[in-house]
Amino acid sequence: MKHMPWAKEIELMIVGAEKAGTTALLRHLEQLSIFSTHRHEEMIFFTDNCYEQGEEFAKDKYFPDCDDRIIVAKDVRLLGSVEGQQRLKKSCPNVKIVVILREPASRAYSAYTHAVAKGREKARTFEKALGLDDYLDAELGTDLKDNVYVRGSTYSEKIKSLHTIFGIENVLAFYQDEYRASPVEGVRSILKLLRYKDELDCSVINFGDHNRAAQAKSLIFATFIRRILRSRGKLKQVVRKTIPHTWAHKIRSSIEKMNLSEKKNYGAIKYETSDAIRKCLMSDATE
């Protein structure tokens, strides 16, 4: 595979964690004139089978108007994909990595509610999705480590992998609460990571919420939309070849948003459930 055919390599990659505020960070950074970002929620090129289509495909899809600004991309799947990290390192050897972490139980629950809203999760309670039929009796006897939501809240080995592949000096990790408490300092720490020395006016950034938790108006419709969007039929193949990536992304986003409401009806995570997740992760850390 040829080297990145872009004006410049990706210089900053936000790799996760999912539902920890990565979208907000990306949208905050794009408000600074020095950064160029993509409009897609994730740049899944390095963690998807579209990688085989080559880097020219990635450029056309994610950065069709690439210029001399610092290119910033995001893919939360990279945090758990060593292969994806290796691909990124090969294509962009000088890339800097940013990780936002979140309290494990709340992150897992947020990932579950997001999956429900997107039609990816059929279980109608978090406990059922975790395999805890009776959350009041949830103990370490139930192995939660292999559950997709809990696995996404494990950080130690993933951070070690990033340090090994990209170098500890090129990886910045902080918690969501830290960033929310002082977003300007968070942005400045990223500029320091990039070794950007010029003064920037961070007061121009609107540090509002992005990708807020949403409720599906119809779970059946959400599942139907997902099936259509993920289908690989001939009609979809024709559409992909005839409609530009930018237009296709806008159409897809509009269809998904039609079925979403900002109203939050999921409620708070049950204490017994969050306690079981924390105990499970603590047990795993001490093994």
Protein backbone atom coordinates (compact mmCIF):
# COMPACT_ATOMS: atom_id res chain seq x y z
CA MET A 1 0.00 0.00 0.00
CA LYS A 2 1.29 3.45 -0.91
CA HIS A 3 1.97 6.15 1.65
CA MET A 4 -0.89 8.54 2.57
CA PRO A 5 -1.67 10.50 -0.63
CA TRP A 6 -2.88 13.46 1.40
CA ALA A 7 -1.53 16.99 1.65
CA LYS A 8 -0.39 15.98 5.12
CA GLU A 9 -0.66 12.86 7.26
CA ILE A 10 -3.21 12.49 10.03
CA GLU A 11 -1.41 14.25 12.86
CA LEU A 12 -3.91 13.64 15.66
CA MET A 13 -6.14 10.60 16.18
CA ILE A 14 -8.79 10.38 18.89
CA VAL A 15 -9.09 6.65 19.57
CA GLY A 16 -11.72 6.40 22.32
CA ALA A 17 -13.18 5.40 24.60
CA GLU A 18 -16.66 5.05 23.14
CA LYS A 19 -19.27 7.22 24.92
CA ALA A 20 -16.60 9.14 26.82
CA GLY A 21 -16.94 12.48 25.00
CA THR A 22 -14.81 11.83 21.91
CA THR A 23 -17.32 13.39 19.51
CA ALA A 24 -17.52 16.54 21.64
CA LEU A 25 -13.73 16.80 21.63
CA LEU A 26 -13.57 16.42 17.84
CA ARG A 27 -16.24 19.11 17.34
CA HIS A 28 -14.50 21.42 19.78
CA LEU A 29 -11.17 21.11 17.98
CA GLU A 30 -12.69 21.71 14.54
CA GLN A 31 -13.70 25.20 15.68
CA LEU A 32 -10.03 26.17 15.74
CA SER A 33 -8.83 27.30 12.33
CA ILE A 34 -5.65 25.23 12.48
CA PHE A 35 -7.55 21.90 12.41
CA SER A 36 -9.23 19.97 9.61
CA THR A 37 -11.68 17.22 10.68
CA HIS A 38 -14.17 14.83 9.06
CA ARG A 39 -17.96 15.13 9.27
CA HIS A 40 -18.46 11.40 9.81
CA GLU A 41 -18.94 10.24 13.39
CA GLU A 42 -15.97 7.93 13.03
CA MET A 43 -13.16 7.45 10.55
CA ILE A 44 -13.30 3.65 10.53
CA PHE A 45 -10.80 3.21 7.70
CA PHE A 46 -8.11 1.57 9.85
CA THR A 47 -10.51 -0.78 11.66
CA ASP A 48 -12.80 -1.77 8.78
CA ASN A 49 -12.55 -3.96 5.70
CA CYS A 50 -12.66 -0.77 3.57
CA TYR A 51 -8.94 -0.53 4.45
CA GLU A 52 -8.33 -2.86 1.53
CA GLN A 53 -9.69 -0.20 -0.83
CA GLY A 54 -6.61 1.90 -0.20
CA GLU A 55 -5.75 5.28 1.22
CA GLU A 56 -6.99 7.22 -1.81
CA PHE A 57 -10.45 5.90 -0.93
CA ALA A 58 -10.02 7.16 2.64
CA LYS A 59 -8.97 10.60 1.44
CA ASP A 60 -11.97 10.94 -0.88
CA LYS A 61 -14.41 9.74 1.76
CA TYR A 62 -13.21 11.56 4.87
CA PHE A 63 -11.07 14.49 3.68
CA PRO A 64 -12.09 15.39 0.12
CA ASP A 65 -11.05 19.02 0.65
CA CYS A 66 -7.79 18.34 2.45
CA ASP A 67 -5.53 21.40 2.85
CA ASP A 68 -2.50 22.39 4.89
CA ARG A 69 -4.28 22.43 8.25
CA ILE A 70 -3.57 19.84 10.95
CA ILE A 71 -5.66 16.76 10.17
CA VAL A 72 -7.61 15.37 13.13
CA ALA A 73 -9.55 12.09 12.93
CA LYS A 74 -11.47 9.88 15.34
CA ASP A 75 -12.30 6.19 15.59
CA VAL A 76 -13.25 4.78 18.99
CA ARG A 77 -12.80 1.23 17.70
CA LEU A 78 -9.06 1.83 17.49
CA LEU A 79 -8.72 1.66 21.27
CA GLY A 80 -9.47 -2.05 21.21
CA SER A 81 -7.90 -2.92 17.85
CA VAL A 82 -4.18 -3.64 17.81
CA GLU A 83 -4.37 -4.37 14.07
CA GLY A 84 -6.02 -1.00 13.47
CA GLN A 85 -3.37 0.74 15.55
CA GLN A 86 -0.61 -0.94 13.56
CA ARG A 87 -2.24 0.13 10.29
CA LEU A 88 -2.48 3.71 11.54
CA LYS A 89 1.15 3.70 12.65
CA LYS A 90 2.25 2.38 9.26
CA SER A 91 0.34 5.05 7.34
CA CYS A 92 0.97 7.92 9.76
CA PRO A 93 4.20 7.20 11.67
CA ASN A 94 4.23 10.61 13.39
CA VAL A 95 0.60 10.62 14.57
CA LYS A 96 -0.27 11.68 18.11
CA ILE A 97 -2.91 9.79 20.06
CA VAL A 98 -5.61 11.13 22.40
CA VAL A 99 -7.72 8.91 24.68
CA ILE A 100 -10.64 10.08 26.81
CA LEU A 101 -11.63 7.66 29.55
CA ARG A 102 -14.83 7.52 31.59
CA GLU A 103 -15.92 5.87 34.82
CA PRO A 104 -16.32 2.24 33.66
CA ALA A 105 -19.89 1.46 34.76
CA SER A 106 -21.44 4.68 33.48
CA ARG A 107 -19.53 4.33 30.20
CA ALA A 108 -20.83 0.78 29.76
CA TYR A 109 -24.41 1.87 30.45
CA SER A 110 -24.15 4.79 28.05
CA ALA A 111 -22.83 2.44 25.35
CA TYR A 112 -25.84 0.19 25.94
CA THR A 113 -28.41 2.99 25.64
CA HIS A 114 -26.67 4.23 22.49
CA ALA A 115 -26.84 0.74 20.98
CA VAL A 116 -30.57 0.53 21.77
CA ALA A 117 -31.26 3.89 20.12
CA LYS A 118 -29.30 2.81 17.02
CA GLY A 119 -31.16 -0.50 16.73
CA ARG A 120 -28.09 -2.59 17.56
CA GLU A 121 -29.30 -3.96 20.90
CA LYS A 122 -32.43 -6.09 21.38
CA ALA A 123 -32.22 -6.46 25.18
CA ARG A 124 -34.63 -4.00 26.75
CA THR A 125 -32.78 -3.75 30.06
CA PHE A 126 -29.10 -3.24 30.74
CA GLU A 127 -29.13 -6.17 33.15
CA LYS A 128 -30.45 -8.50 30.46
CA ALA A 129 -27.79 -7.26 28.04
CA LEU A 130 -25.17 -8.06 30.67
CA GLY A 131 -26.62 -11.51 31.31
CA LEU A 132 -27.72 -10.57 34.81
CA ASP A 133 -31.28 -11.87 34.98
CA ASP A 134 -31.63 -10.64 38.54
CA TYR A 135 -29.42 -7.64 39.16
CA LEU A 136 -30.11 -7.81 42.90
CA ASP A 137 -28.20 -11.08 42.98
CA ALA A 138 -25.38 -9.92 40.69
CA GLU A 139 -22.09 -11.17 42.05
CA LEU A 140 -18.68 -12.02 40.66
CA GLY A 141 -20.01 -15.47 39.83
CA THR A 142 -21.28 -13.96 36.60
CA ASP A 143 -18.36 -13.37 34.25
CA LEU A 144 -18.90 -9.87 32.91
CA LYS A 145 -15.42 -9.41 31.44
CA ASP A 146 -16.42 -10.92 28.10
CA ASN A 147 -19.52 -8.76 27.77
CA VAL A 148 -19.11 -6.21 24.96
CA TYR A 149 -20.20 -3.28 27.14
CA VAL A 150 -17.95 -4.15 30.06
CA ARG A 151 -15.05 -5.02 27.78
CA GLY A 152 -15.24 -1.50 26.37
CA SER A 153 -14.63 -0.16 29.88
CA THR A 154 -11.30 -1.95 30.36
CA TYR A 155 -8.42 0.46 29.85
CA SER A 156 -5.11 -0.74 31.27
CA GLU A 157 -3.99 -3.18 28.57
CA LYS A 158 -5.32 -0.93 25.81
CA ILE A 159 -3.29 2.03 27.01
CA LYS A 160 -0.21 -0.20 27.22
CA SER A 161 -0.77 -1.23 23.60
CA LEU A 162 -0.93 2.42 22.52
CA HIS A 163 2.29 3.16 24.40
CA THR A 164 4.04 0.21 22.75
CA ILE A 165 2.95 1.01 19.20
CA PHE A 166 3.07 4.83 19.20
CA GLY A 167 5.43 5.60 22.10
CA ILE A 168 4.39 6.83 25.54
CA GLU A 169 5.44 10.39 24.67
CA ASN A 170 2.94 10.44 21.80
CA VAL A 171 -0.12 9.34 23.80
CA LEU A 172 -2.30 11.65 25.91
CA ALA A 173 -5.00 10.15 28.13
CA PHE A 174 -7.37 11.93 30.48
CA TYR A 175 -10.79 11.38 32.01
CA GLN A 176 -14.02 12.85 30.72
CA ASP A 177 -14.67 14.63 34.03
CA GLU A 178 -11.25 16.29 33.84
CA TYR A 179 -11.96 17.62 30.37
CA ARG A 180 -15.46 18.82 31.26
CA ALA A 181 -14.15 20.64 34.33
CA SER A 182 -11.50 22.50 32.30
CA PRO A 183 -11.93 22.06 28.52
CA VAL A 184 -9.56 24.92 27.67
CA GLU A 185 -6.76 23.20 29.59
CA GLY A 186 -7.66 19.98 27.79
CA VAL A 187 -7.31 21.64 24.39
CA ARG A 188 -4.03 23.25 25.44
CA SER A 189 -2.66 19.86 26.53
CA ILE A 190 -3.47 18.54 23.06
CA LEU A 191 -1.70 21.48 21.42
CA LYS A 192 1.29 20.74 23.64
CA LEU A 193 1.19 17.10 22.54
CA LEU A 194 1.29 18.32 18.94
CA ARG A 195 4.19 20.64 19.85
CA TYR A 196 2.17 23.57 18.54
CA LYS A 197 3.85 26.68 19.93
CA ASP A 198 1.73 29.56 18.62
CA GLU A 199 -0.85 31.16 20.90
CA LEU A 200 -4.45 30.29 20.09
CA ASP A 201 -7.61 31.99 21.30
CA CYS A 202 -9.62 29.11 22.78
CA SER A 203 -12.43 31.52 23.72
CA VAL A 204 -13.78 31.08 20.17
CA ILE A 205 -14.69 27.46 20.98
CA ASN A 206 -18.28 26.73 21.93
CA PHE A 207 -17.80 23.95 24.45
CA GLY A 208 -21.36 22.72 24.09
CA ASP A 209 -22.58 19.13 24.15
CA HIS A 210 -22.28 16.98 21.05
CA ASN A 211 -23.65 13.51 20.37
CA ARG A 212 -25.92 13.72 23.41
CA ALA A 213 -27.74 10.61 24.58
CA ALA A 214 -30.87 10.11 22.50
CA GLN A 215 -34.00 7.99 22.71
CA ALA A 216 -35.29 6.00 19.75
CA LYS A 217 -38.86 7.01 18.91
CA SER A 218 -39.47 3.50 17.60
CA LEU A 219 -37.18 0.58 18.44
CA ILE A 220 -38.67 -1.44 15.57
CA PHE A 221 -37.95 1.38 13.11
CA ALA A 222 -34.43 1.76 14.54
CA THR A 223 -33.75 -1.93 13.86
CA PHE A 224 -35.23 -1.62 10.36
CA ILE A 225 -33.07 1.41 9.55
CA ARG A 226 -29.96 -0.40 10.72
CA ARG A 227 -30.71 -3.43 8.55
CA ILE A 228 -31.20 -1.24 5.50
CA LEU A 229 -28.06 0.80 6.09
CA ARG A 230 -25.94 -2.31 6.71
CA SER A 231 -27.30 -4.31 3.80
CA ARG A 232 -24.94 -5.23 0.98
CA GLY A 233 -27.55 -5.66 -1.75
CA LYS A 234 -27.08 -4.67 -5.39
CA LEU A 235 -29.19 -1.52 -4.99
CA LYS A 236 -26.95 -0.24 -2.21
CA GLN A 237 -23.85 -1.04 -4.24
CA VAL A 238 -25.22 1.02 -7.12
CA VAL A 239 -26.05 3.89 -4.77
CA ARG A 240 -22.51 3.82 -3.34
CA LYS A 241 -21.04 4.12 -6.81
CA THR A 242 -23.30 6.96 -7.94
CA ILE A 243 -23.67 9.15 -4.84
CA PRO A 244 -20.60 10.99 -3.45
CA HIS A 245 -19.47 9.94 0.03
CA THR A 246 -20.33 13.35 1.51
CA TRP A 247 -23.91 13.24 0.21
CA ALA A 248 -24.36 9.61 1.27
CA HIS A 249 -23.22 10.47 4.80
CA LYS A 250 -25.67 13.38 5.03
CA ILE A 251 -28.55 11.22 3.80
CA ARG A 252 -27.71 8.43 6.24
CA SER A 253 -27.42 10.85 9.18
CA SER A 254 -30.76 12.45 8.28
CA ILE A 255 -32.52 9.08 8.14
CA GLU A 256 -31.13 8.03 11.52
CA LYS A 257 -31.99 11.37 13.16
CA MET A 258 -35.61 11.08 11.98
CA ASN A 259 -36.11 8.37 14.59
CA LEU A 260 -34.20 9.97 17.46
CA SER A 261 -35.46 12.14 20.28
CA GLU A 262 -33.37 14.04 22.82
CA LYS A 263 -35.72 12.84 25.57
CA LYS A 264 -33.89 10.52 27.97
CA ASN A 265 -36.14 7.78 29.34
CA TYR A 266 -33.52 5.21 30.27
CA GLY A 267 -33.08 6.35 33.84
CA ALA A 268 -29.96 5.97 35.94
CA ILE A 269 -27.92 2.77 36.11
CA LYS A 270 -28.92 0.63 39.09
CA TYR A 271 -26.40 0.68 41.93
CA GLU A 272 -26.25 -3.12 42.13
CA THR A 273 -25.42 -3.31 38.43
CA SER A 274 -22.70 -0.67 38.53
CA ASP A 275 -21.24 -2.28 41.64
CA ALA A 276 -21.08 -5.68 39.90
CA ILE A 277 -19.26 -4.12 36.94
CA ARG A 278 -16.72 -2.36 39.15
CA LYS A 279 -16.06 -5.51 41.20
CA CYS A 280 -15.60 -7.51 38.03
CA LEU A 281 -13.07 -5.02 36.63
CA MET A 282 -11.23 -4.78 39.94
CA SER A 283 -11.02 -8.57 40.09
CA ASP A 284 -9.68 -8.67 36.53
CA ALA A 285 -7.05 -6.02 37.34
CA THR A 286 -5.68 -8.02 40.27
CA GLU A 287 -5.38 -11.32 38.41
